[in-house]
Structures are given as structure tokens and as C-alpha cells.
Protein backbone atom coordinates (compact mmCIF):
# COMPACT_ATOMS: atom_id res chain seq x y z
CA ALA A 1 84.80 111.38 75.31
CA PRO A 2 82.28 109.26 73.40
CA GLY A 3 80.12 107.18 75.71
CA ARG A 4 81.34 109.01 78.81
CA PRO A 5 78.51 109.71 81.26
CA LYS A 6 77.77 113.14 82.61
CA GLN A 7 76.16 113.73 85.96
CA GLY A 8 72.40 113.73 85.59
CA ASP A 9 72.38 111.98 82.19
CA THR A 10 69.51 109.58 81.54
CA PRO A 11 69.08 107.05 78.74
CA SER A 12 67.74 108.37 75.48
CA GLY A 13 63.99 108.49 75.57
CA GLY A 14 63.97 108.08 79.36
CA SER A 15 63.35 110.45 82.21
CA ASP A 16 64.83 111.19 85.59
CA PRO A 17 63.10 108.75 87.98
CA ARG A 18 63.07 111.47 90.63
CA SER A 19 61.05 113.87 88.50
CA GLY A 20 57.63 112.37 89.16
CA GLY A 21 56.62 113.33 85.61
CA ALA A 22 53.36 112.36 84.02
CA ARG A 23 54.90 109.47 82.11
CA GLY A 24 55.51 106.19 83.84
CA PRO A 25 53.83 104.34 86.69
CA THR A 26 52.21 105.85 89.77
CA SER A 27 54.60 106.61 92.63
CA VAL A 28 54.32 104.47 95.74
CA TRP A 29 55.91 105.00 99.14
CA PRO A 30 55.71 101.84 101.25
CA ASP A 31 56.14 102.74 104.91
CA SER A 32 57.17 99.27 106.10
CA PRO A 33 58.58 95.99 104.74
CA ARG A 34 55.11 94.45 104.97
CA ALA A 35 53.63 97.31 102.94
CA ALA A 36 56.34 96.78 100.30
CA GLN A 37 55.58 93.06 100.20
CA ARG A 38 51.89 93.79 99.65
CA LEU A 39 52.97 95.74 96.57
CA GLY A 40 54.98 92.74 95.35
CA ILE A 41 58.41 94.13 96.34
CA SER A 42 60.82 91.70 98.05
CA THR A 43 64.37 92.24 99.24
CA VAL A 44 67.19 89.77 99.83
CA TYR A 45 69.86 91.39 101.97
CA GLN A 46 73.62 91.01 101.79
CA GLU A 47 73.72 89.14 105.09
CA VAL A 48 71.37 86.16 104.81
CA ASN A 49 68.77 87.00 107.48
CA LEU A 50 67.30 83.54 107.88
CA CYS A 51 67.16 81.15 110.84
CA PRO A 52 69.76 78.36 110.58
CA ASN A 53 68.00 76.33 113.30
CA LEU A 54 64.80 76.04 111.22
CA SER A 55 64.15 73.91 108.16
CA VAL A 56 64.33 75.28 104.63
CA ALA A 57 60.54 75.20 104.39
CA GLU A 58 60.09 76.94 107.74
CA ASN A 59 62.46 79.70 106.64
CA ILE A 60 60.62 80.23 103.37
CA PHE A 61 57.25 80.63 105.09
CA ALA A 62 58.34 82.09 108.44
CA GLY A 63 55.56 84.31 109.75
CA ARG A 64 53.18 83.00 107.07
CA TYR A 65 52.86 79.30 107.88
CA PRO A 66 49.85 77.67 106.21
CA ARG A 67 47.36 76.52 108.84
CA LEU A 68 44.82 73.76 109.19
CA GLY A 69 41.25 74.68 109.97
CA LEU A 70 39.54 75.42 113.25
CA ALA A 71 38.68 71.77 113.76
CA GLN A 72 42.40 70.96 113.80
CA GLY A 73 43.19 73.81 116.20
CA TRP A 74 44.80 76.07 113.57
CA ARG A 75 47.89 73.91 113.66
CA ILE A 76 50.61 74.32 111.04
CA ASP A 77 49.82 72.46 107.82
CA TRP A 78 53.24 70.85 107.43
CA ALA A 79 52.32 68.85 104.34
CA THR A 80 51.13 71.93 102.43
CA MET A 81 54.09 74.03 103.57
CA ASN A 82 56.65 71.42 102.53
CA ARG A 83 54.94 70.86 99.18
CA ARG A 84 54.85 74.59 98.38
CA ALA A 85 58.48 74.95 99.52
CA ARG A 86 59.53 72.15 97.17
CA GLU A 87 57.76 73.92 94.29
CA LEU A 88 59.53 77.20 95.07
CA VAL A 89 63.04 75.75 95.35
CA ALA A 90 62.47 73.78 92.15
CA ARG A 91 61.51 77.05 90.44
CA ILE A 92 64.98 78.42 91.14
CA GLY A 93 66.76 75.21 90.17
CA LEU A 94 67.39 73.71 93.61
CA ASP A 95 66.94 70.03 94.34
CA ILE A 96 67.16 69.82 98.13
CA ASP A 97 65.25 68.32 101.04
CA VAL A 98 63.18 71.25 102.34
CA THR A 99 62.63 69.50 105.67
CA ARG A 100 66.33 69.63 106.55
CA LEU A 101 67.79 72.44 108.65
CA LEU A 102 68.98 75.48 106.73
CA SER A 103 72.35 75.19 108.52
CA ASP A 104 72.92 71.86 106.75
CA HIS A 105 73.33 73.71 103.47
CA PRO A 106 76.23 75.89 102.20
CA VAL A 107 75.99 79.68 101.99
CA ALA A 108 75.21 79.59 98.25
CA VAL A 109 72.14 77.42 98.86
CA GLN A 110 71.07 79.62 101.76
CA GLN A 111 71.24 82.63 99.45
CA LEU A 112 68.95 80.87 96.97
CA VAL A 113 66.59 79.90 99.79
CA ALA A 114 66.38 83.60 100.68
CA ILE A 115 65.37 84.27 97.07
CA ALA A 116 62.78 81.47 97.26
CA ARG A 117 61.36 83.13 100.37
CA ALA A 118 61.13 86.43 98.50
CA LEU A 119 59.33 84.72 95.61
CA SER A 120 56.88 83.05 97.99
CA ILE A 121 54.99 86.32 98.39
CA GLU A 122 54.36 86.44 94.62
CA SER A 123 56.96 89.13 94.06
CA ARG A 124 56.88 91.39 91.03
CA VAL A 125 60.10 93.20 91.97
CA LEU A 126 63.09 91.44 93.56
CA ILE A 127 65.82 93.58 95.15
CA LEU A 128 69.13 91.77 95.70
CA ASP A 129 71.66 93.56 97.91
CA GLU A 130 75.18 92.24 97.19
CA PRO A 131 73.88 88.68 96.75
CA THR A 132 77.26 87.36 95.54
CA SER A 133 79.47 88.78 98.29
CA SER A 134 80.00 85.35 99.89
CA LEU A 135 79.89 83.20 96.75
CA ASP A 136 82.69 81.76 94.63
CA ASP A 137 82.73 81.98 90.83
CA ASP A 138 80.80 78.76 90.18
CA GLU A 139 78.14 79.69 92.72
CA VAL A 140 77.80 83.14 91.15
CA GLN A 141 77.19 81.58 87.75
CA LYS A 142 74.49 79.31 89.19
CA LEU A 143 72.82 82.33 90.79
CA PHE A 144 72.94 84.20 87.48
CA GLU A 145 71.25 81.27 85.74
CA VAL A 146 68.43 81.55 88.26
CA LEU A 147 68.17 85.32 87.80
CA ARG A 148 68.04 85.02 84.01
CA ARG A 149 65.28 82.42 84.32
CA LEU A 150 63.28 84.66 86.67
CA ARG A 151 63.80 87.63 84.35
CA GLY A 152 62.45 85.50 81.51
CA GLU A 153 59.33 84.86 83.61
CA GLY A 154 58.73 88.61 83.83
CA LEU A 155 60.20 89.36 87.25
CA ALA A 156 61.85 92.78 87.63
CA ILE A 157 65.22 92.53 89.40
CA VAL A 158 67.29 95.25 91.06
CA PHE A 159 70.84 93.89 91.43
CA VAL A 160 72.98 95.91 93.85
CA THR A 161 76.70 95.18 93.57
CA HIS A 162 80.21 96.62 93.48
CA PHE A 163 81.52 93.89 91.16
CA LEU A 164 82.04 95.41 87.73
CA ASN A 165 82.19 92.14 85.83
CA GLN A 166 78.89 91.04 87.37
CA VAL A 167 77.25 94.32 86.39
CA TYR A 168 78.05 93.63 82.75
CA ALA A 169 77.25 89.92 82.98
CA ILE A 170 73.70 90.20 84.31
CA SER A 171 72.34 93.73 83.86
CA ASP A 172 70.20 95.31 81.16
CA ARG A 173 70.57 98.83 82.55
CA ILE A 174 72.98 100.40 85.01
CA THR A 175 72.01 103.00 87.60
CA VAL A 176 74.79 104.74 89.52
CA LEU A 177 74.43 106.21 93.00
CA ARG A 178 77.12 108.28 94.69
CA ASN A 179 77.09 109.73 98.19
CA GLY A 180 73.40 109.00 98.57
CA SER A 181 72.42 110.73 95.32
CA TRP A 182 71.25 109.49 91.93
CA VAL A 183 73.93 110.11 89.30
CA GLY A 184 72.51 108.59 86.12
CA GLU A 185 71.12 105.58 84.29
CA TRP A 186 72.35 103.98 81.06
CA PRO A 187 71.71 100.87 78.93
CA VAL A 188 74.53 98.48 79.75
CA GLY A 189 75.84 98.46 76.16
CA GLU A 190 76.22 102.25 76.17
CA LEU A 191 78.36 102.55 79.30
CA PRO A 192 82.02 101.45 79.00
CA ALA A 193 83.69 100.30 82.20
CA GLN A 194 85.91 103.38 82.42
CA ALA A 195 82.86 105.62 82.10
CA LEU A 196 81.10 103.64 84.81
CA ILE A 197 84.07 104.11 87.15
CA ALA A 198 84.08 107.83 86.37
CA ALA A 199 80.39 108.03 87.30
CA MET A 200 80.98 106.09 90.52
CA LEU A 201 83.93 108.23 91.58
CA GLY A 202 82.59 111.58 90.43
CA ARG A 203 85.58 112.46 88.32
CA GLU A 204 86.48 112.33 84.65
CA LEU A 205 89.43 110.19 83.65
CA ALA A 206 91.93 112.15 81.61
CA ALA A 207 92.96 110.65 78.28
CA GLN A 208 96.58 111.00 79.36
CA SER A 209 98.15 111.79 82.68
CA THR A 210 100.27 114.94 82.56
CA GLU A 211 101.60 114.65 86.08
CA ALA A 212 103.93 111.78 86.91
CA PRO A 213 104.20 111.30 90.69
CA VAL A 214 107.70 111.19 92.14
CA PRO A 215 108.30 107.75 93.66
CA PRO A 216 109.92 107.61 97.11
CA VAL A 217 113.45 106.28 97.40
CA PHE A 218 113.64 102.53 98.03
CA ASP A 219 116.31 99.82 98.11
CA GLU A 220 114.97 97.28 95.63
CA SER A 221 117.57 94.71 96.70
CA ALA A 222 115.97 94.40 100.15
CA PRO A 223 114.68 90.88 100.93
CA ALA A 224 110.96 90.09 101.22
CA LEU A 225 109.74 90.52 104.77
CA LEU A 226 106.28 89.11 104.00
CA GLN A 227 105.42 86.88 101.07
CA ALA A 228 101.99 85.45 100.30
CA GLU A 229 101.94 82.62 97.77
CA GLY A 230 98.47 81.92 96.39
CA ILE A 231 96.77 82.94 99.62
CA GLY A 232 92.97 83.06 99.49
CA GLN A 233 89.67 82.08 101.06
CA SER A 234 86.64 80.51 99.40
CA GLY A 235 83.88 83.02 98.77
CA GLN A 236 86.05 85.91 99.93
CA LEU A 237 89.28 86.15 97.93
CA GLN A 238 90.82 84.37 94.96
CA ALA A 239 94.43 83.18 95.26
CA VAL A 240 96.77 86.20 95.58
CA ASP A 241 100.57 86.43 95.32
CA LEU A 242 102.01 89.34 97.27
CA ARG A 243 105.39 90.36 98.63
CA VAL A 244 106.37 93.32 100.80
CA ARG A 245 109.98 94.18 101.60
CA ALA A 246 111.45 96.08 104.53
CA GLY A 247 111.33 99.79 103.78
CA GLU A 248 108.82 99.35 100.95
CA VAL A 249 105.35 100.85 100.61
CA VAL A 250 103.07 98.56 98.59
CA GLY A 251 99.84 100.20 97.51
CA LEU A 252 96.75 97.99 97.35
CA ALA A 253 94.30 99.54 94.89
CA GLY A 254 90.81 98.65 93.75
CA LEU A 255 87.22 99.75 93.98
CA LEU A 256 85.01 99.06 96.98
CA GLY A 257 84.37 95.32 97.16
CA ALA A 258 87.54 94.42 95.25
CA GLY A 259 88.91 92.31 98.11
CA ARG A 260 91.42 94.69 99.69
CA THR A 261 90.11 94.43 103.24
CA GLU A 262 89.63 90.67 102.87
CA LEU A 263 93.34 90.34 102.02
CA ALA A 264 94.35 92.50 104.96
CA ARG A 265 92.28 90.37 107.35
CA LEU A 266 93.84 87.16 106.01
CA LEU A 267 97.36 88.53 106.44
CA PHE A 268 96.68 89.66 110.01
CA GLY A 269 95.07 86.46 111.24
CA LEU A 270 91.54 87.86 111.55
CA GLU A 271 90.46 85.29 108.96
CA THR A 272 92.00 81.92 108.14
CA PRO A 273 93.06 81.27 104.54
CA ASP A 274 92.02 77.93 103.06
CA ARG A 275 94.68 78.00 100.36
CA GLY A 276 98.21 79.24 99.82
CA VAL A 277 101.20 79.86 102.06
CA LEU A 278 102.22 82.91 104.08
CA ARG A 279 105.92 83.45 104.77
CA ILE A 280 107.72 85.84 107.12
CA ASP A 281 111.46 86.19 106.38
CA GLY A 282 111.12 83.17 104.11
CA GLN A 283 109.67 80.91 106.81
CA ALA A 284 106.13 79.57 106.44
CA VAL A 285 103.78 80.77 109.20
CA ALA A 286 100.14 80.14 110.04
CA PHE A 287 98.39 82.76 112.19
CA ALA A 288 95.68 81.29 114.40
CA ASN A 289 94.68 84.78 115.53
CA PRO A 290 95.89 88.41 115.44
CA MET A 291 98.13 87.83 118.48
CA ASP A 292 100.22 85.47 116.36
CA ALA A 293 100.53 88.19 113.72
CA ILE A 294 101.52 90.77 116.33
CA ARG A 295 104.23 88.45 117.69
CA HIS A 296 105.66 88.23 114.17
CA GLY A 297 105.82 92.03 113.92
CA LEU A 298 102.60 92.77 112.01
CA ALA A 299 100.16 95.58 112.81
CA LEU A 300 96.78 96.52 111.32
CA CYS A 301 94.96 99.84 111.36
CA PRO A 302 91.44 98.68 110.39
CA GLU A 303 89.10 100.20 107.83
CA GLU A 304 86.25 100.83 110.29
CA ARG A 305 87.79 103.24 112.77
CA LYS A 306 84.68 103.68 114.93
CA THR A 307 83.72 100.01 115.30
CA ASP A 308 87.02 98.12 114.93
CA GLY A 309 89.63 100.73 115.84
CA ILE A 310 88.96 102.91 118.85
CA VAL A 311 87.35 102.04 122.18
CA ALA A 312 85.40 105.28 122.44
CA GLU A 313 84.81 105.18 126.19
CA LEU A 314 88.49 104.73 127.01
CA SER A 315 91.02 107.55 127.13
CA VAL A 316 93.59 108.42 124.49
CA ARG A 317 96.22 106.99 126.87
CA GLU A 318 94.41 103.67 127.23
CA ASN A 319 93.72 103.36 123.51
CA ILE A 320 97.35 103.94 122.58
CA ALA A 321 98.55 101.39 125.17
CA LEU A 322 96.13 98.64 124.13
CA ALA A 323 98.20 96.74 121.56
CA LEU A 324 101.46 96.94 123.50
CA GLN A 325 99.71 95.70 126.63
CA ALA A 326 98.19 92.81 124.68
CA ARG A 327 101.57 91.83 123.27
CA MET A 328 103.08 91.81 126.77
CA GLY A 329 100.54 89.19 127.85
CA MET A 330 98.40 88.65 130.92
CA GLY A 331 101.24 88.50 133.48
CA LYS A 332 102.71 91.95 132.78
CA PHE A 333 101.04 95.32 133.01
CA LEU A 334 101.86 98.83 131.93
CA SER A 335 101.42 101.16 134.87
CA ARG A 336 99.32 104.29 134.48
CA ALA A 337 102.53 106.35 134.50
CA GLU A 338 104.08 104.15 131.78
CA GLN A 339 100.92 104.45 129.70
CA ALA A 340 100.95 108.23 130.10
CA THR A 341 104.63 108.48 129.09
CA LEU A 342 103.98 106.30 126.04
CA ALA A 343 100.87 108.24 125.02
CA GLU A 344 102.44 111.66 125.48
CA ARG A 345 105.39 110.59 123.33
CA TYR A 346 103.15 109.68 120.41
CA VAL A 347 100.80 112.62 120.90
CA LYS A 348 103.81 114.83 120.36
CA LEU A 349 105.32 112.71 117.56
CA LEU A 350 102.11 112.50 115.50
CA GLY A 351 100.65 115.87 116.44
CA ILE A 352 97.52 114.44 118.07
CA LYS A 353 95.37 117.37 119.20
CA THR A 354 94.00 116.68 122.67
CA GLU A 355 93.91 118.66 125.91
CA SER A 356 95.00 115.59 127.85
CA VAL A 357 95.94 111.97 127.20
CA ASP A 358 93.19 111.12 129.70
CA LYS A 359 90.48 112.60 127.48
CA PRO A 360 88.04 109.97 126.09
CA ILE A 361 89.16 109.21 122.56
CA GLY A 362 85.55 109.30 121.34
CA LEU A 363 85.59 113.09 121.85
CA LEU A 364 88.49 113.61 119.43
CA SER A 365 88.08 114.45 115.75
CA GLY A 366 88.27 111.65 113.19
CA GLY A 367 91.75 112.64 112.13
CA ASN A 368 93.09 112.62 115.68
CA GLN A 369 91.41 109.30 116.38
CA GLN A 370 93.14 107.87 113.31
CA LYS A 371 96.49 109.19 114.51
CA ALA A 372 95.90 107.59 117.92
CA ILE A 373 95.23 104.22 116.28
CA LEU A 374 98.45 104.62 114.30
CA ALA A 375 100.23 105.47 117.56
CA ARG A 376 98.85 102.32 119.17
CA TRP A 377 100.55 100.16 116.57
CA LEU A 378 103.75 102.16 116.34
CA ALA A 379 104.14 101.57 120.08
CA THR A 380 104.53 97.84 119.33
CA GLU A 381 107.45 98.65 116.98
CA PRO A 382 106.03 96.59 114.10
CA ARG A 383 108.02 95.43 111.10
CA LEU A 384 105.03 95.50 108.75
CA LEU A 385 102.21 98.03 109.09
CA ILE A 386 98.94 97.33 107.27
CA LEU A 387 96.92 100.52 106.80
CA ASP A 388 93.35 99.96 105.61
CA GLU A 389 91.83 103.30 104.48
CA PRO A 390 93.86 105.32 107.03
CA THR A 391 92.72 108.69 105.63
CA ARG A 392 89.00 107.99 105.23
CA GLY A 393 86.74 110.59 106.81
CA ILE A 394 89.46 112.95 108.01
CA ASP A 395 90.30 116.49 106.98
CA VAL A 396 92.89 117.46 104.40
CA ALA A 397 95.49 118.58 106.94
CA ALA A 398 95.28 115.30 108.88
CA LYS A 399 95.53 113.34 105.61
CA GLN A 400 98.69 115.22 104.70
CA GLU A 401 100.26 114.51 108.08
CA ILE A 402 99.44 110.79 107.93
CA MET A 403 100.78 110.47 104.38
CA GLU A 404 104.03 112.14 105.40
CA GLN A 405 104.28 109.85 108.42
CA ILE A 406 103.89 106.78 106.17
CA LEU A 407 106.83 107.91 104.07
CA ARG A 408 108.95 108.57 107.16
CA LEU A 409 108.19 105.09 108.52
CA ALA A 410 109.20 103.47 105.23
CA GLN A 411 112.40 105.48 105.05
CA ALA A 412 113.19 104.23 108.57
CA GLY A 413 112.92 100.64 107.30
CA MET A 414 109.32 99.68 108.08
CA ALA A 415 107.34 97.72 105.49
CA VAL A 416 103.92 99.24 104.75
CA LEU A 417 100.88 97.80 102.97
CA PHE A 418 98.80 100.86 102.11
CA ILE A 419 95.12 100.37 101.19
CA SER A 420 93.12 103.34 99.97
CA SER A 421 90.20 104.21 97.73
CA GLU A 422 91.96 107.50 96.96
CA MET A 423 94.13 106.65 93.97
CA SER A 424 96.00 109.93 94.28
CA GLU A 425 97.25 108.79 97.69
CA VAL A 426 98.22 105.34 96.43
CA VAL A 427 100.28 106.60 93.50
CA ARG A 428 101.94 109.22 95.67
CA VAL A 429 103.43 106.92 98.31
CA ALA A 430 103.70 103.46 96.73
CA HIS A 431 106.84 101.84 95.36
CA ARG A 432 104.58 99.25 93.72
CA ILE A 433 100.82 99.19 93.21
CA VAL A 434 99.00 95.87 93.40
CA VAL A 435 95.56 96.08 91.79
CA LEU A 436 92.56 93.97 92.78
CA ARG A 437 89.24 93.67 90.98
CA ASP A 438 86.32 91.45 91.91
CA ARG A 439 88.36 89.86 94.72
CA ARG A 440 91.22 88.73 92.54
CA LEU A 441 94.62 90.18 91.69
CA VAL A 442 94.57 91.60 88.16
CA GLY A 443 97.98 93.25 87.86
CA GLU A 444 100.83 95.24 89.32
CA LEU A 445 102.16 98.70 88.44
CA PRO A 446 105.52 100.31 89.23
CA ALA A 447 106.21 103.51 91.14
CA GLY A 448 105.46 106.57 89.09
CA SER A 449 102.29 105.13 87.53
CA SER A 450 99.41 107.54 87.07
CA GLU A 451 95.94 107.31 88.60
CA ASP A 452 94.49 106.65 85.16
CA ALA A 453 96.87 103.71 84.69
CA VAL A 454 95.34 102.15 87.82
CA TYR A 455 91.80 102.79 86.59
CA ASP A 456 92.69 101.38 83.17
CA LEU A 457 93.86 98.16 84.82
CA ILE A 458 90.69 97.93 86.91
CA ALA A 459 88.53 98.40 83.81
CA ALA A 460 90.70 96.41 81.38
CA GLU A 461 88.50 93.32 81.22
CA HIS A 462 85.52 95.34 80.03
CA ALA A 463 87.25 97.94 77.86
């Protein structure tokens, strides 16, 4: 298709930056952050790595405080430091008191202070790693104004992001990486959004889908079990309307960074929404923590299995019993025999491959660990199961078994919110597909929709 990228393509007249050809600048290989800074390369990381207990000026010059002379005992030259800090923040459009603590300022200002720190070393190249991940729309626009001004001053900027609309709003050229490898580079005007998604995912989007998935059977007259009305959180997720009915599988689709996990965390009480209403069976609820969500019949299999899901040192038995034990409270305990009976039941039901339920779960394969996490929540007999990337990093056979289990749970009356980067999985099991882009809801598709229909909706704004 015209304008569609092919792996390894480079812009016309350009060259593969990995080639080390004769044209272009000399290669450099800084072996430390300090060496990179000496070359004029500065990085601002996704998580603002500044010190909230220090002033703005102290953060900007941390490790490089200007000093008075020997006669003054090499003390910090506070007047010079504060003056230079004021000049730097003014350069990026900030009008703040640089002597105040960094913690006195909102996240958006802290992000700009991190940029001011990067500029303080006379940067020639500024690398920004997901700088807008915690900013709302207005704050993003203010940041972009700063970046455009710096670009006009001759600063080279590498802007790392998953937000498609921001790519097109601020970039001159787009470079795509996938699985740790360089895919290609294109002038922004020559790369349509659909072609960009194809490059990111490593697959071509067919002009028309020839295979219509068969939607699972579902009673559309069933009442809403969970309903979110304009639920959101500043800097994390725009207001979202969502409903999930008993026996329904709702697919939550979108690219990485679209806001899927953020929504799951809000629904499960891991984060607190600052707008909207959440209802269970029509009654408004407010979850102070995940225990409140569990008491209302919700369960969450998290995206990060290793860090947020399993307790690697504990046995399969103990991991499966965790959520049920927590729901029972401090005064009641599952005996070892009860835990073993529970675990053995779900090992058999889900086909978890382990020599013993007393084997440390960290020694199981990824697929069997994922099944054990699913077993943990099934043991609580939830009414709504939130699955965040349940098939990531597991083999094909385990994926198939988990997908079949999801359908069986829905047919038995359980509500399921299914989050996956694999669109083929979403369209296969979902009765409805809710699509997010750039942390906002952009549309909804019915059962039977094709993968390309989902991608079209994701890319629609930039088509």
C-alpha cells in the first residue's frame, strides 16, 4: 500500500544509522552518564528522578553546585546558583521561585525542572523518555511549546513516547523500534498512522478482513454488573464510560500506553479516581483499597506477573490461597490441609503442570504461573474478573487453554474485562470491544469485528 513502511526502510536520501557508513558524524560510545553529558547529551527519564526535599535550584545543579573561592572555604555560592537557576527556568517558560522546595510544585512543573537541569549542562541533544506520561492535556501542550522553542534554538530532541497523537504533534521524523531492534525511520508526513502501527506491531494490516470471528453466545438483556460513569484520574486517564454485564466478556483494546492498565487499577481500587462514579449492581461504590473491590466480587490478574502477581518464594499452594485468605480476614485462617485441597482442585481444573502444590511457584513456567494467578482469583468466586495481559509471555498451548477458560467462565455467568495487546485474542473472545487511545476512550465495536477494524479506530484521528 502507498506509504506503508517495510522493515528496514529508511527515508529517501538517508542511511541506516547502524551502518557506520562514511557519511554522517563520527560515532561515539559514551560509557557512563557523565561521559554522555560531556558530549552534550542529556536525558530526562519517565520517572522524575529529582529530590523533592531540595529546592528547585538545588535540583538543577545537584552535584555541580557553584562554589565560592578558597578564602570563603569553598562554600556553595547560593546567589550565583539561584540566579543561574532563574535564567534556566525562564528559558523554558517557567516563572517560579527557584528557592522553594521541588515538592511544592505539581508534577508538570517538576518535569520542566528536570528539563532545565538537563539544559544546565549546555546540552546539544536532549532525550525525553515518556515525558508526558503523568501530564494532562493542557500540561502536555505547555511542554510542547517549550520543546518547539528549544528546537528553534537548535537543540536536537529525541522524544520517546507511545502516544500516537503526540508523535504527530511534535515530531519531524519518526523512528520505530520493535523487540529491541531498529525497524525504520521516516519523515513524519510520509508515515500514516496505520503504517506506523504496522511498523510497531510487525505486521501488515490487510485492506479488508476476510475472516470474521465467531462471537460467543451472550444474553444481551442481562443487567450491568459494573458501570463506570465518567471515571478518570488527572494525568492518568480521561473520563471513561464503561459497563460490564454478568456473563459478558468486554475486550479492552489499545496500544501500549493507551490507558488500559490505568483503567483496570482504578476499577480495582489500586488507584483512586478523582472524577466519575463507579456502580456495582446499580449502587454507587467507592473503593478505598483492593480489599473493598474483593468484597464486592471483583478480582484482578495484573499485567506484571513477576512483580505484582506471584510471590516467587512461596509455594503454588500458598500463592493460590492468598486472595481467599485475605478476603477471610485476620481472624480466620485456612489450614495447610485446606490450602492443599484448594490448590489441588485448581491445579487439576486449569491443568497447572507442577510435581507438587508445595513446589515454589517461581520454578514454574510463565504459563503455569499465570494459571496459578487465575486460580488464586477463581478461588474467591468473583463476579467480575479483570484480566490484564493474561497471555503475555506464555507459550501457545498455555494461551489456548487460558482463552478457552475465559469463555467457560463467561458462559457460567462471570463478567470478564479482558485486556490484551494481541488483537486476535480480543476479537476472538469479546462480546464488545472498548478501544482506548492516548488514555481516552475513542470508540466501541461489536462482537464479530475484525482486528483491522480495531486498528482503524485506534488510528482514525490521524488517518
